[in-house]
Amino acid sequence: MFYGNKIAVQIDKAVSGTLTHRNNALFGNRSDYVGAVGAGMGDLSQDPLLDRRQIPWAPLPNSPLRCAADPTVAPATDCFSRPRMPRPDIGCVQFVAGNPP
């Protein structure tokens, strides 16, 4: 998730090989993409609707981040070691009713 930055993602030079990115959330940045990079498959650019009462911020019940990550590449647990499967959220915190953990 890239939130409230000057530039979210910047690649100035062509890289050898293929750069693949997807299922990122970008919001409130001055520029989301700069240089040789553009939106990836499944990237979201709307307000992520985050609960800012905890660190790291967690998705609220109506957040577009919920169930939006690709389960084939998402980690099995979030940053609190809670399971993320079968439908993971974008970001490091999986929504659980009653957040924070």
C-alpha atoms as a PDB file:
ATOM      1  CA  MET A   1       0.000   0.000   0.000  1.00  0.00           C
ATOM      2  CA  PHE A   2       1.301   3.433  -0.963  1.00  0.00           C
ATOM      3  CA  TYR A   3      -0.532   6.229   0.871  1.00  0.00           C
ATOM      4  CA  GLY A   4       0.213   9.944   1.119  1.00  0.00           C
ATOM      5  CA  ASN A   5       3.631   9.982  -0.555  1.00  0.00           C
ATOM      6  CA  LYS A   6       5.228  12.416  -2.980  1.00  0.00           C
ATOM      7  CA  ILE A   7       5.780   9.525  -5.424  1.00  0.00           C
ATOM      8  CA  ALA A   8       4.435   6.030  -4.793  1.00  0.00           C
ATOM      9  CA  VAL A   9       6.371   3.950  -7.341  1.00  0.00           C
ATOM     10  CA  GLN A  10       9.218   5.210  -9.525  1.00  0.00           C
ATOM     11  CA  ILE A  11      11.451   3.361 -11.952  1.00  0.00           C
ATOM     12  CA  ASP A  12      13.793   5.615 -13.902  1.00  0.00           C
ATOM     13  CA  LYS A  13      15.639   3.133 -16.081  1.00  0.00           C
ATOM     14  CA  ALA A  14      14.589   0.046 -17.959  1.00  0.00           C
ATOM     15  CA  VAL A  15      15.467  -3.038 -15.978  1.00  0.00           C
ATOM     16  CA  SER A  16      16.762  -6.217 -17.501  1.00  0.00           C
ATOM     17  CA  GLY A  17      14.097  -8.873 -17.303  1.00  0.00           C
ATOM     18  CA  THR A  18      10.470  -8.321 -16.494  1.00  0.00           C
ATOM     19  CA  LEU A  19       9.108  -6.246 -13.639  1.00  0.00           C
ATOM     20  CA  THR A  20       5.754  -7.546 -12.476  1.00  0.00           C
ATOM     21  CA  HIS A  21       3.644  -5.887  -9.815  1.00  0.00           C
ATOM     22  CA  ARG A  22      -0.024  -6.207  -8.998  1.00  0.00           C
ATOM     23  CA  ASN A  23      -2.659  -5.801  -6.305  1.00  0.00           C
ATOM     24  CA  ASN A  24      -1.228  -2.613  -4.826  1.00  0.00           C
ATOM     25  CA  ALA A  25      -3.278   0.152  -3.243  1.00  0.00           C
ATOM     26  CA  LEU A  26      -2.211   3.683  -4.168  1.00  0.00           C
ATOM     27  CA  PHE A  27      -4.040   6.700  -2.738  1.00  0.00           C
ATOM     28  CA  GLY A  28      -3.306  10.281  -1.750  1.00  0.00           C
ATOM     29  CA  ASN A  29       0.103  10.356  -3.440  1.00  0.00           C
ATOM     30  CA  ARG A  30       1.145  13.341  -5.550  1.00  0.00           C
ATOM     31  CA  SER A  31       2.054  10.844  -8.282  1.00  0.00           C
ATOM     32  CA  ASP A  32       1.239   7.148  -8.162  1.00  0.00           C
ATOM     33  CA  TYR A  33       3.613   6.099 -10.967  1.00  0.00           C
ATOM     34  CA  VAL A  34       6.667   7.843 -12.415  1.00  0.00           C
ATOM     35  CA  GLY A  35       9.070   6.701 -15.102  1.00  0.00           C
ATOM     36  CA  ALA A  36       8.957   3.254 -16.664  1.00  0.00           C
ATOM     37  CA  VAL A  37       6.144   1.924 -14.488  1.00  0.00           C
ATOM     38  CA  GLY A  38       2.375   2.037 -14.702  1.00  0.00           C
ATOM     39  CA  ALA A  39      -0.592   0.465 -13.010  1.00  0.00           C
ATOM     40  CA  GLY A  40      -0.374  -3.257 -12.422  1.00  0.00           C
ATOM     41  CA  MET A  41      -3.146  -5.812 -12.658  1.00  0.00           C
ATOM     42  CA  GLY A  42      -5.511  -5.418  -9.710  1.00  0.00           C
ATOM     43  CA  ASP A  43      -4.032  -2.109  -8.499  1.00  0.00           C
ATOM     44  CA  LEU A  44      -6.564   0.057  -6.647  1.00  0.00           C
ATOM     45  CA  SER A  45      -6.539   3.848  -6.651  1.00  0.00           C
ATOM     46  CA  GLN A  46      -9.574   4.715  -4.521  1.00  0.00           C
ATOM     47  CA  ASP A  47      -9.650   5.655  -0.840  1.00  0.00           C
ATOM     48  CA  PRO A  48      -8.614   2.467   1.006  1.00  0.00           C
ATOM     49  CA  LEU A  49     -10.870   3.304   4.000  1.00  0.00           C
ATOM     50  CA  LEU A  50      -8.397   2.525   6.771  1.00  0.00           C
ATOM     51  CA  ASP A  51      -8.814   2.284  10.533  1.00  0.00           C
ATOM     52  CA  ARG A  52      -6.052   4.579  11.763  1.00  0.00           C
ATOM     53  CA  ARG A  53      -6.540   3.756  15.454  1.00  0.00           C
ATOM     54  CA  GLN A  54      -3.885   1.056  15.231  1.00  0.00           C
ATOM     55  CA  ILE A  55      -0.423   0.725  13.731  1.00  0.00           C
ATOM     56  CA  PRO A  56      -0.199  -0.515  11.063  1.00  0.00           C
ATOM     57  CA  TRP A  57      -3.495   0.784   9.749  1.00  0.00           C
ATOM     58  CA  ALA A  58      -6.103  -1.884   9.062  1.00  0.00           C
ATOM     59  CA  PRO A  59      -8.893  -1.997   6.487  1.00  0.00           C
ATOM     60  CA  LEU A  60     -12.348  -0.989   7.691  1.00  0.00           C
ATOM     61  CA  PRO A  61     -15.293  -3.355   7.054  1.00  0.00           C
ATOM     62  CA  ASN A  62     -16.237  -1.519   3.826  1.00  0.00           C
ATOM     63  CA  SER A  63     -12.665  -1.074   2.535  1.00  0.00           C
ATOM     64  CA  PRO A  64     -11.986  -1.863  -1.147  1.00  0.00           C
ATOM     65  CA  LEU A  65      -8.809  -3.632   0.057  1.00  0.00           C
ATOM     66  CA  ARG A  66     -10.863  -6.468   1.475  1.00  0.00           C
ATOM     67  CA  CYS A  67     -10.545  -9.714  -0.481  1.00  0.00           C
ATOM     68  CA  ALA A  68      -8.688  -7.840  -3.282  1.00  0.00           C
ATOM     69  CA  ALA A  69      -5.229  -9.488  -3.109  1.00  0.00           C
ATOM     70  CA  ASP A  70      -4.153 -12.379  -5.298  1.00  0.00           C
ATOM     71  CA  PRO A  71      -4.175 -15.454  -3.012  1.00  0.00           C
ATOM     72  CA  THR A  72      -1.522 -17.166  -5.131  1.00  0.00           C
ATOM     73  CA  VAL A  73       1.126 -14.603  -4.144  1.00  0.00           C
ATOM     74  CA  ALA A  74      -0.130 -13.270  -0.788  1.00  0.00           C
ATOM     75  CA  PRO A  75       1.605 -14.429   2.392  1.00  0.00           C
ATOM     76  CA  ALA A  76      -0.287 -16.998   4.465  1.00  0.00           C
ATOM     77  CA  THR A  77      -0.429 -14.674   7.502  1.00  0.00           C
ATOM     78  CA  ASP A  78      -0.643 -10.928   8.108  1.00  0.00           C
ATOM     79  CA  CYS A  79       1.802  -8.878  10.215  1.00  0.00           C
ATOM     80  CA  PHE A  80       0.047 -10.093  13.381  1.00  0.00           C
ATOM     81  CA  SER A  81       0.449 -13.760  12.281  1.00  0.00           C
ATOM     82  CA  ARG A  82      -3.273 -14.078  11.590  1.00  0.00           C
ATOM     83  CA  PRO A  83      -4.319 -16.277   8.643  1.00  0.00           C
ATOM     84  CA  ARG A  84      -5.022 -14.474   5.375  1.00  0.00           C
ATOM     85  CA  MET A  85      -6.433 -17.242   3.237  1.00  0.00           C
ATOM     86  CA  PRO A  86      -8.574 -18.038   1.330  1.00  0.00           C
ATOM     87  CA  ARG A  87      -9.408 -14.418   0.342  1.00  0.00           C
ATOM     88  CA  PRO A  88      -6.593 -12.112   1.462  1.00  0.00           C
ATOM     89  CA  ASP A  89      -6.809  -8.348   1.751  1.00  0.00           C
ATOM     90  CA  ILE A  90      -4.334  -5.953   0.120  1.00  0.00           C
ATOM     91  CA  GLY A  91      -1.910  -4.645   2.732  1.00  0.00           C
ATOM     92  CA  CYS A  92      -0.094  -6.083   5.703  1.00  0.00           C
ATOM     93  CA  VAL A  93      -3.186  -6.368   7.935  1.00  0.00           C
ATOM     94  CA  GLN A  94      -6.010  -8.787   7.211  1.00  0.00           C
ATOM     95  CA  PHE A  95      -9.423  -7.499   8.269  1.00  0.00           C
ATOM     96  CA  VAL A  96     -10.804  -9.340  11.267  1.00  0.00           C
ATOM     97  CA  ALA A  97     -14.077  -8.304  12.890  1.00  0.00           C
ATOM     98  CA  GLY A  98     -13.131  -6.521  16.094  1.00  0.00           C
ATOM     99  CA  ASN A  99      -9.733  -5.153  14.883  1.00  0.00           C
ATOM    100  CA  PRO A 100      -7.322  -4.296  16.447  1.00  0.00           C
ATOM    101  CA  PRO A 101      -5.892  -7.698  17.372  1.00  0.00           C
END
